[in-house]
């Protein structure tokens, strides 16, 4: 797998992008499952990122999904 993490700054503005590509041209089943777990953890974190919640609440929401390995 190839991870690309690129960022740029211009006149006070910042852009950032992270992408993962399968070097072989297709993701294997274990790689697909890992992707699903990471995506589910990210979704849980975004749902927890609400006014009044602490950053630790966001971290905990994603950790619970990632540690459980289920999505």
PDB file of N, CA and C in Angstrom:
ATOM      1  N   UNK A   1       0.844  -1.165   0.000  1.00  0.00           N
ATOM      2  CA  UNK A   1       0.000   0.000   0.000  1.00  0.00           C
ATOM      3  C   UNK A   1       0.895   1.237   0.000  1.00  0.00           C
ATOM      4  N   UNK A   2       0.429   2.256  -0.662  1.00  0.00           N
ATOM      5  CA  UNK A   2       1.141   3.522  -0.746  1.00  0.00           C
ATOM      6  C   UNK A   2       0.283   4.588  -0.090  1.00  0.00           C
ATOM      7  N   UNK A   3       0.836   5.261   0.922  1.00  0.00           N
ATOM      8  CA  UNK A   3       0.146   6.341   1.608  1.00  0.00           C
ATOM      9  C   UNK A   3       0.700   7.662   1.106  1.00  0.00           C
ATOM     10  N   UNK A   4      -0.182   8.526   0.639  1.00  0.00           N
ATOM     11  CA  UNK A   4       0.203   9.857   0.190  1.00  0.00           C
ATOM     12  C   UNK A   4      -0.439  10.864   1.135  1.00  0.00           C
ATOM     13  N   UNK A   5       0.383  11.673   1.777  1.00  0.00           N
ATOM     14  CA  UNK A   5      -0.091  12.721   2.675  1.00  0.00           C
ATOM     15  C   UNK A   5       0.537  14.021   2.192  1.00  0.00           C
ATOM     16  N   UNK A   6      -0.257  14.860   1.578  1.00  0.00           N
ATOM     17  CA  UNK A   6       0.263  16.086   0.979  1.00  0.00           C
ATOM     18  C   UNK A   6      -0.440  17.302   1.564  1.00  0.00           C
ATOM     19  N   UNK A   7       0.314  18.363   1.724  1.00  0.00           N
ATOM     20  CA  UNK A   7      -0.243  19.598   2.260  1.00  0.00           C
ATOM     21  C   UNK A   7       0.387  20.781   1.550  1.00  0.00           C
ATOM     22  N   UNK A   8      -0.327  21.890   1.580  1.00  0.00           N
ATOM     23  CA  UNK A   8       0.180  23.119   0.971  1.00  0.00           C
ATOM     24  C   UNK A   8      -0.312  24.323   1.769  1.00  0.00           C
ATOM     25  N   UNK A   9       0.494  25.356   1.771  1.00  0.00           N
ATOM     26  CA  UNK A   9       0.134  26.632   2.385  1.00  0.00           C
ATOM     27  C   UNK A   9       0.317  27.723   1.349  1.00  0.00           C
ATOM     28  N   UNK A  10      -0.674  28.619   1.276  1.00  0.00           N
ATOM     29  CA  UNK A  10      -0.561  29.738   0.345  1.00  0.00           C
ATOM     30  C   UNK A  10      -1.325  30.917   0.914  1.00  0.00           C
ATOM     31  N   UNK A  11      -0.642  32.011   1.139  1.00  0.00           N
ATOM     32  CA  UNK A  11      -1.230  33.251   1.631  1.00  0.00           C
ATOM     33  C   UNK A  11      -2.146  33.011   2.835  1.00  0.00           C
ATOM     34  N   UNK A  12      -1.653  32.229   3.784  1.00  0.00           N
ATOM     35  CA  UNK A  12      -2.400  32.003   5.014  1.00  0.00           C
ATOM     36  C   UNK A  12      -3.450  30.912   4.945  1.00  0.00           C
ATOM     37  N   UNK A  13      -3.626  30.299   3.785  1.00  0.00           N
ATOM     38  CA  UNK A  13      -4.600  29.215   3.655  1.00  0.00           C
ATOM     39  C   UNK A  13      -3.848  27.890   3.582  1.00  0.00           C
ATOM     40  N   UNK A  14      -4.474  26.847   4.109  1.00  0.00           N
ATOM     41  CA  UNK A  14      -3.845  25.536   4.141  1.00  0.00           C
ATOM     42  C   UNK A  14      -4.780  24.501   3.549  1.00  0.00           C
ATOM     43  N   UNK A  15      -4.229  23.601   2.782  1.00  0.00           N
ATOM     44  CA  UNK A  15      -4.982  22.464   2.248  1.00  0.00           C
ATOM     45  C   UNK A  15      -4.214  21.189   2.566  1.00  0.00           C
ATOM     46  N   UNK A  16      -4.942  20.104   2.784  1.00  0.00           N
ATOM     47  CA  UNK A  16      -4.299  18.847   3.145  1.00  0.00           C
ATOM     48  C   UNK A  16      -5.113  17.696   2.570  1.00  0.00           C
ATOM     49  N   UNK A  17      -4.426  16.683   2.098  1.00  0.00           N
ATOM     50  CA  UNK A  17      -5.100  15.504   1.554  1.00  0.00           C
ATOM     51  C   UNK A  17      -4.278  14.267   1.903  1.00  0.00           C
ATOM     52  N   UNK A  18      -4.954  13.208   2.282  1.00  0.00           N
ATOM     53  CA  UNK A  18      -4.308  11.933   2.558  1.00  0.00           C
ATOM     54  C   UNK A  18      -5.061  10.859   1.784  1.00  0.00           C
ATOM     55  N   UNK A  19      -4.327  10.055   1.047  1.00  0.00           N
ATOM     56  CA  UNK A  19      -4.920   8.970   0.266  1.00  0.00           C
ATOM     57  C   UNK A  19      -4.055   7.731   0.382  1.00  0.00           C
ATOM     58  N   UNK A  20      -4.690   6.567   0.315  1.00  0.00           N
ATOM     59  CA  UNK A  20      -3.983   5.288   0.337  1.00  0.00           C
ATOM     60  C   UNK A  20      -4.325   4.532  -0.935  1.00  0.00           C
ATOM     61  N   UNK A  21      -3.307   4.042  -1.593  1.00  0.00           N
ATOM     62  CA  UNK A  21      -3.491   3.317  -2.853  1.00  0.00           C
ATOM     63  C   UNK A  21      -2.891   1.914  -2.751  1.00  0.00           C
ATOM     64  N   UNK A  22      -3.542   0.930  -3.362  1.00  0.00           N
ATOM     65  CA  UNK A  22      -2.943  -0.406  -3.402  1.00  0.00           C
ATOM     66  C   UNK A  22      -1.864  -0.446  -4.481  1.00  0.00           C
ATOM     67  N   UNK A  23      -0.661  -0.815  -4.113  1.00  0.00           N
ATOM     68  CA  UNK A  23       0.442  -0.850  -5.069  1.00  0.00           C
ATOM     69  C   UNK A  23       0.168  -1.889  -6.159  1.00  0.00           C
ATOM     70  N   UNK A  24      -0.525  -2.969  -5.812  1.00  0.00           N
ATOM     71  CA  UNK A  24      -0.811  -4.045  -6.770  1.00  0.00           C
ATOM     72  C   UNK A  24      -1.938  -3.679  -7.735  1.00  0.00           C
ATOM     73  N   UNK A  25      -2.649  -2.579  -7.454  1.00  0.00           N
ATOM     74  CA  UNK A  25      -3.763  -2.185  -8.312  1.00  0.00           C
ATOM     75  C   UNK A  25      -5.120  -2.525  -7.726  1.00  0.00           C
ATOM     76  N   UNK A  26      -5.156  -3.397  -6.715  1.00  0.00           N
ATOM     77  CA  UNK A  26      -6.422  -3.756  -6.068  1.00  0.00           C
ATOM     78  C   UNK A  26      -6.151  -4.060  -4.597  1.00  0.00           C
ATOM     79  N   UNK A  27      -7.089  -3.677  -3.749  1.00  0.00           N
ATOM     80  CA  UNK A  27      -6.960  -3.974  -2.329  1.00  0.00           C
ATOM     81  C   UNK A  27      -7.269  -5.441  -2.070  1.00  0.00           C
ATOM     82  N   UNK A  28      -6.489  -6.059  -1.194  1.00  0.00           N
ATOM     83  CA  UNK A  28      -6.771  -7.436  -0.769  1.00  0.00           C
ATOM     84  C   UNK A  28      -7.941  -7.394   0.220  1.00  0.00           C
ATOM     85  N   UNK A  29      -8.508  -8.539   0.535  1.00  0.00           N
ATOM     86  CA  UNK A  29      -9.619  -8.567   1.492  1.00  0.00           C
ATOM     87  C   UNK A  29      -9.204  -8.045   2.867  1.00  0.00           C
ATOM     88  N   UNK A  30      -8.044  -8.421   3.411  1.00  0.00           N
ATOM     89  CA  UNK A  30      -7.638  -7.840   4.703  1.00  0.00           C
ATOM     90  C   UNK A  30      -7.466  -6.318   4.635  1.00  0.00           C
ATOM     91  N   UNK A  31      -6.951  -5.816   3.520  1.00  0.00           N
ATOM     92  CA  UNK A  31      -6.800  -4.365   3.363  1.00  0.00           C
ATOM     93  C   UNK A  31      -8.164  -3.691   3.289  1.00  0.00           C
ATOM     94  N   UNK A  32      -9.124  -4.313   2.615  1.00  0.00           N
ATOM     95  CA  UNK A  32     -10.483  -3.758   2.546  1.00  0.00           C
ATOM     96  C   UNK A  32     -11.113  -3.699   3.929  1.00  0.00           C
ATOM     97  N   UNK A  33     -10.917  -4.759   4.723  1.00  0.00           N
ATOM     98  CA  UNK A  33     -11.484  -4.783   6.068  1.00  0.00           C
ATOM     99  C   UNK A  33     -10.851  -3.703   6.939  1.00  0.00           C
ATOM    100  N   UNK A  34      -9.557  -3.531   6.841  1.00  0.00           N
ATOM    101  CA  UNK A  34      -8.885  -2.475   7.593  1.00  0.00           C
ATOM    102  C   UNK A  34      -9.424  -1.104   7.190  1.00  0.00           C
ATOM    103  N   UNK A  35      -9.626  -0.895   5.895  1.00  0.00           N
ATOM    104  CA  UNK A  35     -10.192   0.365   5.407  1.00  0.00           C
ATOM    105  C   UNK A  35     -11.571   0.599   6.019  1.00  0.00           C
ATOM    106  N   UNK A  36     -12.401  -0.455   6.048  1.00  0.00           N
ATOM    107  CA  UNK A  36     -13.751  -0.321   6.607  1.00  0.00           C
ATOM    108  C   UNK A  36     -13.704   0.048   8.093  1.00  0.00           C
ATOM    109  N   UNK A  37     -12.776  -0.552   8.823  1.00  0.00           N
ATOM    110  CA  UNK A  37     -12.650  -0.250  10.252  1.00  0.00           C
ATOM    111  C   UNK A  37     -12.217   1.201  10.457  1.00  0.00           C
ATOM    112  N   UNK A  38     -11.225   1.638   9.706  1.00  0.00           N
ATOM    113  CA  UNK A  38     -10.743   3.023   9.830  1.00  0.00           C
ATOM    114  C   UNK A  38     -11.849   4.008   9.450  1.00  0.00           C
ATOM    115  N   UNK A  39     -12.593   3.718   8.397  1.00  0.00           N
ATOM    116  CA  UNK A  39     -13.691   4.598   7.986  1.00  0.00           C
ATOM    117  C   UNK A  39     -14.781   4.654   9.055  1.00  0.00           C
ATOM    118  N   UNK A  40     -15.123   3.512   9.643  1.00  0.00           N
ATOM    119  CA  UNK A  40     -16.132   3.485  10.702  1.00  0.00           C
ATOM    120  C   UNK A  40     -15.662   4.272  11.922  1.00  0.00           C
ATOM    121  N   UNK A  41     -14.375   4.165  12.255  1.00  0.00           N
ATOM    122  CA  UNK A  41     -13.820   4.924  13.380  1.00  0.00           C
ATOM    123  C   UNK A  41     -13.873   6.423  13.091  1.00  0.00           C
ATOM    124  N   UNK A  42     -13.573   6.790  11.863  1.00  0.00           N
ATOM    125  CA  UNK A  42     -13.642   8.202  11.478  1.00  0.00           C
ATOM    126  C   UNK A  42     -15.081   8.708  11.548  1.00  0.00           C
ATOM    127  N   UNK A  43     -16.026   7.922  11.077  1.00  0.00           N
ATOM    128  CA  UNK A  43     -17.439   8.310  11.143  1.00  0.00           C
ATOM    129  C   UNK A  43     -17.878   8.495  12.596  1.00  0.00           C
ATOM    130  N   UNK A  44     -17.474   7.580  13.474  1.00  0.00           N
ATOM    131  CA  UNK A  44     -17.824   7.692  14.893  1.00  0.00           C
ATOM    132  C   UNK A  44     -17.239   8.961  15.496  1.00  0.00           C
ATOM    133  N   UNK A  45     -16.017   9.282  15.136  1.00  0.00           N
ATOM    134  CA  UNK A  45     -15.379  10.496  15.647  1.00  0.00           C
ATOM    135  C   UNK A  45     -16.117  11.734  15.175  1.00  0.00           C
ATOM    136  N   UNK A  46     -16.511  11.760  13.914  1.00  0.00           N
ATOM    137  CA  UNK A  46     -17.225  12.934  13.387  1.00  0.00           C
ATOM    138  C   UNK A  46     -18.577  13.111  14.069  1.00  0.00           C
ATOM    139  N   UNK A  47     -19.249  12.003  14.369  1.00  0.00           N
ATOM    140  CA  UNK A  47     -20.537  12.089  15.074  1.00  0.00           C
ATOM    141  C   UNK A  47     -20.347  12.614  16.491  1.00  0.00           C
ATOM    142  N   UNK A  48     -19.225  12.273  17.113  1.00  0.00           N
ATOM    143  CA  UNK A  48     -18.950  12.720  18.480  1.00  0.00           C
ATOM    144  C   UNK A  48     -18.447  14.157  18.532  1.00  0.00           C
ATOM    145  N   UNK A  49     -18.019  14.693  17.413  1.00  0.00           N
ATOM    146  CA  UNK A  49     -17.482  16.058  17.371  1.00  0.00           C
ATOM    147  C   UNK A  49     -18.632  17.060  17.332  1.00  0.00           C
ATOM    148  N   UNK A  50     -19.219  17.282  18.503  1.00  0.00           N
ATOM    149  CA  UNK A  50     -20.348  18.192  18.634  1.00  0.00           C
ATOM    150  C   UNK A  50     -20.053  19.223  19.703  1.00  0.00           C
ATOM    151  N   UNK A  51     -20.736  20.336  19.599  1.00  0.00           N
ATOM    152  CA  UNK A  51     -20.574  21.387  20.600  1.00  0.00           C
ATOM    153  C   UNK A  51     -20.838  20.815  21.988  1.00  0.00           C
ATOM    154  N   UNK A  52     -19.958  21.126  22.910  1.00  0.00           N
ATOM    155  CA  UNK A  52     -20.097  20.661  24.278  1.00  0.00           C
ATOM    156  C   UNK A  52     -19.283  19.417  24.580  1.00  0.00           C
ATOM    157  N   UNK A  53     -18.910  18.663  23.559  1.00  0.00           N
ATOM    158  CA  UNK A  53     -18.067  17.482  23.770  1.00  0.00           C
ATOM    159  C   UNK A  53     -16.604  17.896  23.824  1.00  0.00           C
ATOM    160  N   UNK A  54     -15.834  17.095  24.538  1.00  0.00           N
ATOM    161  CA  UNK A  54     -14.400  17.331  24.635  1.00  0.00           C
ATOM    162  C   UNK A  54     -13.692  16.573  23.512  1.00  0.00           C
ATOM    163  N   UNK A  55     -12.466  16.977  23.233  1.00  0.00           N
ATOM    164  CA  UNK A  55     -11.698  16.235  22.226  1.00  0.00           C
ATOM    165  C   UNK A  55     -11.488  14.789  22.662  1.00  0.00           C
ATOM    166  N   UNK A  56     -11.435  14.567  23.970  1.00  0.00           N
ATOM    167  CA  UNK A  56     -11.295  13.194  24.464  1.00  0.00           C
ATOM    168  C   UNK A  56     -12.526  12.360  24.137  1.00  0.00           C
ATOM    169  N   UNK A  57     -13.711  12.977  24.040  1.00  0.00           N
ATOM    170  CA  UNK A  57     -14.929  12.263  23.645  1.00  0.00           C
ATOM    171  C   UNK A  57     -14.822  11.798  22.192  1.00  0.00           C
ATOM    172  N   UNK A  58     -14.258  12.642  21.357  1.00  0.00           N
ATOM    173  CA  UNK A  58     -14.075  12.305  19.943  1.00  0.00           C
ATOM    174  C   UNK A  58     -13.080  11.159  19.811  1.00  0.00           C
ATOM    175  N   UNK A  59     -11.971  11.272  20.539  1.00  0.00           N
ATOM    176  CA  UNK A  59     -10.946  10.230  20.512  1.00  0.00           C
ATOM    177  C   UNK A  59     -11.509   8.900  21.013  1.00  0.00           C
ATOM    178  N   UNK A  60     -12.264   8.941  22.095  1.00  0.00           N
ATOM    179  CA  UNK A  60     -12.834   7.721  22.662  1.00  0.00           C
ATOM    180  C   UNK A  60     -13.803   7.048  21.691  1.00  0.00           C
ATOM    181  N   UNK A  61     -14.606   7.831  20.997  1.00  0.00           N
ATOM    182  CA  UNK A  61     -15.571   7.272  20.041  1.00  0.00           C
ATOM    183  C   UNK A  61     -14.871   6.516  18.930  1.00  0.00           C
ATOM    184  N   UNK A  62     -13.784   7.086  18.414  1.00  0.00           N
ATOM    185  CA  UNK A  62     -13.061   6.398  17.333  1.00  0.00           C
ATOM    186  C   UNK A  62     -12.294   5.193  17.864  1.00  0.00           C
ATOM    187  N   UNK A  63     -11.730   5.308  19.051  1.00  0.00           N
ATOM    188  CA  UNK A  63     -10.991   4.190  19.641  1.00  0.00           C
ATOM    189  C   UNK A  63     -11.886   2.981  19.890  1.00  0.00           C
ATOM    190  N   UNK A  64     -13.107   3.225  20.345  1.00  0.00           N
ATOM    191  CA  UNK A  64     -14.024   2.115  20.618  1.00  0.00           C
ATOM    192  C   UNK A  64     -14.293   1.305  19.351  1.00  0.00           C
ATOM    193  N   UNK A  65     -14.468   1.987  18.247  1.00  0.00           N
ATOM    194  CA  UNK A  65     -14.703   1.291  16.980  1.00  0.00           C
ATOM    195  C   UNK A  65     -13.433   0.564  16.539  1.00  0.00           C
ATOM    196  N   UNK A  66     -12.306   1.252  16.581  1.00  0.00           N
ATOM    197  CA  UNK A  66     -11.050   0.657  16.112  1.00  0.00           C
ATOM    198  C   UNK A  66     -10.649  -0.552  16.966  1.00  0.00           C
ATOM    199  N   UNK A  67     -10.778  -0.444  18.264  1.00  0.00           N
ATOM    200  CA  UNK A  67     -10.409  -1.556  19.140  1.00  0.00           C
ATOM    201  C   UNK A  67     -11.360  -2.729  18.993  1.00  0.00           C
ATOM    202  N   UNK A  68     -12.633  -2.425  18.702  1.00  0.00           N
ATOM    203  CA  UNK A  68     -13.607  -3.490  18.527  1.00  0.00           C
ATOM    204  C   UNK A  68     -13.446  -4.193  17.190  1.00  0.00           C
ATOM    205  N   UNK A  69     -12.868  -3.476  16.239  1.00  0.00           N
ATOM    206  CA  UNK A  69     -12.649  -4.064  14.917  1.00  0.00           C
ATOM    207  C   UNK A  69     -13.920  -4.326  14.154  1.00  0.00           C
ATOM    208  N   UNK A  70     -15.015  -3.686  14.586  1.00  0.00           N
ATOM    209  CA  UNK A  70     -16.278  -3.900  13.871  1.00  0.00           C
ATOM    210  C   UNK A  70     -16.761  -2.589  13.293  1.00  0.00           C
ATOM    211  N   UNK A  71     -17.516  -2.693  12.199  1.00  0.00           N
ATOM    212  CA  UNK A  71     -18.009  -1.470  11.590  1.00  0.00           C
ATOM    213  C   UNK A  71     -19.433  -1.630  11.133  1.00  0.00           C
TER     214      UNK A  71
END
